[in-house]
C-alpha atoms as a PDB file:
ATOM      1  CA  MET A   1       0.000   0.000   0.000  1.00  0.00           C
ATOM      2  CA  VAL A   2       2.777   2.453   0.892  1.00  0.00           C
ATOM      3  CA  HIS A   3       4.625   1.530  -2.286  1.00  0.00           C
ATOM      4  CA  ASN A   4       1.563   2.420  -4.394  1.00  0.00           C
ATOM      5  CA  LEU A   5       1.139   5.732  -2.590  1.00  0.00           C
ATOM      6  CA  ARG A   6       4.801   6.638  -3.136  1.00  0.00           C
ATOM      7  CA  PHE A   7       4.503   5.696  -6.818  1.00  0.00           C
ATOM      8  CA  ALA A   8       1.366   7.846  -7.207  1.00  0.00           C
ATOM      9  CA  LEU A   9       3.016  10.848  -5.519  1.00  0.00           C
ATOM     10  CA  GLN A  10       6.100  10.573  -7.723  1.00  0.00           C
ATOM     11  CA  SER A  11       3.908  10.533 -10.820  1.00  0.00           C
ATOM     12  CA  ALA A  12       1.811  13.437  -9.557  1.00  0.00           C
ATOM     13  CA  TRP A  13       4.966  15.468  -8.963  1.00  0.00           C
ATOM     14  CA  ARG A  14       6.072  14.919 -12.577  1.00  0.00           C
ATOM     15  CA  VAL A  15       2.656  15.901 -13.934  1.00  0.00           C
ATOM     16  CA  LEU A  16       2.674  19.039 -11.779  1.00  0.00           C
ATOM     17  CA  LEU A  17       6.150  19.998 -12.978  1.00  0.00           C
ATOM     18  CA  VAL A  18       5.278  19.569 -16.670  1.00  0.00           C
ATOM     19  CA  GLY A  19       1.992  21.410 -16.140  1.00  0.00           C
ATOM     20  CA  LEU A  20       3.762  24.357 -14.546  1.00  0.00           C
ATOM     21  CA  LEU A  21       6.447  24.408 -17.202  1.00  0.00           C
ATOM     22  CA  LEU A  22       4.084  24.305 -20.172  1.00  0.00           C
ATOM     23  CA  GLY A  23       0.998  25.823 -18.586  1.00  0.00           C
ATOM     24  CA  ALA A  24       2.592  28.801 -16.872  1.00  0.00           C
ATOM     25  CA  GLY A  25       6.184  28.720 -18.072  1.00  0.00           C
ATOM     26  CA  LEU A  26       5.644  29.579 -21.731  1.00  0.00           C
ATOM     27  CA  PRO A  27       3.252  32.488 -21.082  1.00  0.00           C
ATOM     28  CA  THR A  28       5.611  33.801 -18.403  1.00  0.00           C
ATOM     29  CA  LEU A  29       8.529  33.573 -20.804  1.00  0.00           C
ATOM     30  CA  PHE A  30       6.474  35.422 -23.429  1.00  0.00           C
ATOM     31  CA  ALA A  31       5.698  38.174 -20.914  1.00  0.00           C
ATOM     32  CA  LEU A  32       9.388  38.440 -20.035  1.00  0.00           C
ATOM     33  CA  GLY A  33      10.136  38.765 -23.745  1.00  0.00           C
ATOM     34  CA  VAL A  34       7.695  41.657 -24.098  1.00  0.00           C
ATOM     35  CA  ARG A  35       9.173  43.337 -21.023  1.00  0.00           C
ATOM     36  CA  SER A  36      12.707  42.828 -22.352  1.00  0.00           C
ATOM     37  CA  LEU A  37      11.753  44.455 -25.653  1.00  0.00           C
ATOM     38  CA  ALA A  38      10.409  47.467 -23.747  1.00  0.00           C
ATOM     39  CA  TRP A  39      13.644  47.643 -21.770  1.00  0.00           C
ATOM     40  CA  GLY A  40      15.590  47.370 -25.024  1.00  0.00           C
ATOM     41  CA  ALA A  41      13.615  50.197 -26.641  1.00  0.00           C
ATOM     42  CA  GLY A  42      13.947  52.509 -23.637  1.00  0.00           C
ATOM     43  CA  GLY A  43      12.211  55.899 -23.637  1.00  0.00           C
ATOM     44  CA  ASP A  44       8.411  55.869 -23.513  1.00  0.00           C
ATOM     45  CA  ALA A  45       8.249  52.082 -23.908  1.00  0.00           C
ATOM     46  CA  GLU A  46       9.629  51.658 -20.381  1.00  0.00           C
ATOM     47  CA  GLY A  47       6.877  53.707 -18.773  1.00  0.00           C
ATOM     48  CA  HIS A  48       7.853  56.668 -16.640  1.00  0.00           C
ATOM     49  CA  GLU A  49       6.391  59.765 -15.080  1.00  0.00           C
ATOM     50  CA  SER A  50       5.130  62.339 -17.553  1.00  0.00           C
ATOM     51  CA  GLY A  51       7.436  65.238 -18.134  1.00  0.00           C
ATOM     52  CA  THR A  52      10.618  63.302 -17.374  1.00  0.00           C
ATOM     53  CA  ALA A  53      13.069  61.747 -19.761  1.00  0.00           C
ATOM     54  CA  GLY A  54      12.755  58.001 -20.137  1.00  0.00           C
ATOM     55  CA  PRO A  55      15.614  55.584 -19.607  1.00  0.00           C
ATOM     56  CA  LYS A  56      18.208  54.930 -22.303  1.00  0.00           C
ATOM     57  CA  ALA A  57      17.715  52.105 -24.793  1.00  0.00           C
ATOM     58  CA  GLN A  58      19.437  48.846 -23.832  1.00  0.00           C
ATOM     59  CA  PRO A  59      20.291  46.713 -26.898  1.00  0.00           C
ATOM     60  CA  ILE A  60      20.757  43.621 -24.736  1.00  0.00           C
ATOM     61  CA  GLY A  61      17.079  43.880 -23.803  1.00  0.00           C
ATOM     62  CA  THR A  62      16.092  43.503 -27.437  1.00  0.00           C
ATOM     63  CA  VAL A  63      18.335  40.447 -27.801  1.00  0.00           C
ATOM     64  CA  LEU A  64      16.923  38.879 -24.630  1.00  0.00           C
ATOM     65  CA  GLY A  65      13.367  39.596 -25.760  1.00  0.00           C
ATOM     66  CA  TRP A  66      13.819  37.893 -29.107  1.00  0.00           C
ATOM     67  CA  ALA A  67      15.587  34.956 -27.424  1.00  0.00           C
ATOM     68  CA  CYS A  68      12.536  34.509 -25.171  1.00  0.00           C
ATOM     69  CA  PHE A  69      10.245  34.566 -28.210  1.00  0.00           C
ATOM     70  CA  VAL A  70      12.361  31.936 -29.977  1.00  0.00           C
ATOM     71  CA  VAL A  71      12.129  29.600 -26.973  1.00  0.00           C
ATOM     72  CA  VAL A  72       8.345  30.091 -26.814  1.00  0.00           C
ATOM     73  CA  LEU A  73       7.991  29.397 -30.544  1.00  0.00           C
ATOM     74  CA  LEU A  74      10.105  26.245 -30.226  1.00  0.00           C
ATOM     75  CA  GLY A  75       7.889  25.044 -27.380  1.00  0.00           C
ATOM     76  CA  VAL A  76       4.743  25.684 -29.415  1.00  0.00           C
ATOM     77  CA  ALA A  77       6.221  23.969 -32.487  1.00  0.00           C
ATOM     78  CA  LEU A  78       7.211  20.959 -30.384  1.00  0.00           C
ATOM     79  CA  GLY A  79       3.688  20.730 -28.951  1.00  0.00           C
ATOM     80  CA  ILE A  80       2.103  20.909 -32.402  1.00  0.00           C
ATOM     81  CA  THR A  81       4.538  18.290 -33.680  1.00  0.00           C
ATOM     82  CA  TYR A  82       3.592  15.977 -30.814  1.00  0.00           C
ATOM     83  CA  ILE A  83      -0.126  16.386 -31.548  1.00  0.00           C
ATOM     84  CA  VAL A  84       0.256  15.860 -35.304  1.00  0.00           C
ATOM     85  CA  ALA A  85       2.549  12.851 -34.836  1.00  0.00           C
ATOM     86  CA  SER A  86       0.017  11.255 -32.485  1.00  0.00           C
ATOM     87  CA  GLY A  87      -2.728  11.846 -35.049  1.00  0.00           C
ATOM     88  CA  PHE A  88      -0.755   9.919 -37.666  1.00  0.00           C
ATOM     89  CA  GLY A  89      -0.067   7.027 -35.279  1.00  0.00           C
ATOM     90  CA  LYS A  90       3.534   8.062 -34.663  1.00  0.00           C
ATOM     91  CA  ALA A  91       5.404   9.100 -31.535  1.00  0.00           C
ATOM     92  CA  LEU A  92       7.900  11.815 -30.704  1.00  0.00           C
ATOM     93  CA  SER A  93      11.232  10.386 -29.573  1.00  0.00           C
ATOM     94  CA  PHE A  94      13.825  12.247 -27.525  1.00  0.00           C
ATOM     95  CA  GLU A  95      16.511   9.547 -27.751  1.00  0.00           C
ATOM     96  CA  HIS A  96      18.875  11.824 -29.672  1.00  0.00           C
ATOM     97  CA  VAL A  97      19.721  15.485 -29.308  1.00  0.00           C
ATOM     98  CA  PHE A  98      16.849  16.577 -31.566  1.00  0.00           C
ATOM     99  CA  PRO A  99      13.296  15.237 -31.240  1.00  0.00           C
ATOM    100  CA  THR A 100      12.380  12.840 -34.027  1.00  0.00           C
ATOM    101  CA  ILE A 101       9.128  11.268 -35.162  1.00  0.00           C
ATOM    102  CA  VAL A 102       9.184   7.474 -34.947  1.00  0.00           C
ATOM    103  CA  GLY A 103       6.646   4.669 -35.268  1.00  0.00           C
ATOM    104  CA  LYS A 104       4.827   3.664 -32.108  1.00  0.00           C
ATOM    105  CA  ARG A 105       6.028   0.480 -30.476  1.00  0.00           C
END
């Protein structure tokens, strides 16, 4: 009985982790990308009190923003690939560095 409970809790922990990563992680990363682009643009994009000069533009913010968007797009593309592969009776394999579509076993 204790063994089954421990097994169920370990599985629940994994489901929770994946749910947080994909359910809240990608939107959070997208929001960080938008904020980084505002930081990169500086000036009025940063938001400041009226009548004062805005902060200087930070080029690294633009680079970080686009990097966040690339990671989000890769996550979305991987999710769509998983769904389409399942629809065709295939599976997504992570045995190598890059995910590949393989036949189900």
